Amino acid sequence: MAGEKRFRSALYEIDYKTGTIRLKNKVCPRCGRVMAFHKQPVPRWHCGYCGYVEYVRQ
């Protein structure tokens, strides 16, 4: 997915029955921005703004 463009609509889940929009990714607990999920080299959630990292336990 490196270098691949994503549309903003791919970042949200839309429930047409209830009329709600929900963010697919996590929100950073430190700064409140959207976090990115990385699979390599170790699965983790990372905030590019403040540098906060959450490692996924398997």
Protein backbone atom coordinates (compact mmCIF):
# COMPACT_ATOMS: atom_id res chain seq x y z
CA MET A 1 0.00 0.00 0.00
CA ALA A 2 3.04 2.23 -0.01
CA GLY A 3 2.50 5.17 -2.32
CA GLU A 4 -1.10 4.20 -2.99
CA LYS A 5 -3.64 7.01 -2.75
CA ARG A 6 -6.66 6.46 -0.54
CA PHE A 7 -9.87 8.41 -0.76
CA ARG A 8 -11.22 9.98 2.40
CA SER A 9 -14.33 7.85 2.06
CA ALA A 10 -12.14 4.77 2.68
CA LEU A 11 -11.32 6.08 6.18
CA TYR A 12 -14.93 5.98 7.40
CA GLU A 13 -17.69 3.39 7.84
CA ILE A 14 -21.12 4.70 6.91
CA ASP A 15 -24.25 3.11 8.36
CA TYR A 16 -27.10 4.17 6.12
CA LYS A 17 -29.81 2.64 8.33
CA THR A 18 -28.96 4.74 11.37
CA GLY A 19 -27.36 7.63 9.48
CA THR A 20 -24.08 7.48 11.40
CA ILE A 21 -20.51 7.87 10.24
CA ARG A 22 -17.69 6.17 12.18
CA LEU A 23 -13.93 6.39 11.79
CA LYS A 24 -12.27 3.04 10.93
CA ASN A 25 -8.88 3.78 12.50
CA LYS A 26 -8.06 4.45 16.14
CA VAL A 27 -7.70 7.93 17.59
CA CYS A 28 -4.47 8.81 19.39
CA PRO A 29 -5.00 9.03 23.17
CA ARG A 30 -2.19 11.59 23.49
CA CYS A 31 -3.02 14.18 20.80
CA GLY A 32 -6.44 13.13 19.42
CA ARG A 33 -5.44 12.67 15.77
CA VAL A 34 -6.02 9.59 13.60
CA MET A 35 -3.49 6.76 13.98
CA ALA A 36 -2.11 4.54 11.20
CA PHE A 37 -1.87 0.73 11.38
CA HIS A 38 1.43 -0.84 10.26
CA LYS A 39 1.95 -4.58 9.75
CA GLN A 40 5.72 -4.69 9.18
CA PRO A 41 8.11 -5.28 10.94
CA VAL A 42 5.79 -5.62 13.97
CA PRO A 43 1.99 -5.06 14.00
CA ARG A 44 1.35 -1.69 15.65
CA TRP A 45 -0.73 1.49 15.72
CA HIS A 46 1.34 4.64 15.21
CA CYS A 47 0.59 8.35 15.44
CA GLY A 48 2.66 10.28 12.92
CA TYR A 49 2.04 13.58 14.67
CA CYS A 50 3.19 12.95 18.25
CA GLY A 51 5.02 9.62 17.81
CA TYR A 52 2.77 7.57 20.14
CA VAL A 53 2.92 3.79 19.43
CA GLU A 54 0.67 0.91 20.55
CA TYR A 55 1.96 -2.59 19.79
CA VAL A 56 -0.60 -5.27 18.92
CA ARG A 57 -0.29 -8.40 21.05
CA GLN A 58 -0.96 -11.66 19.28
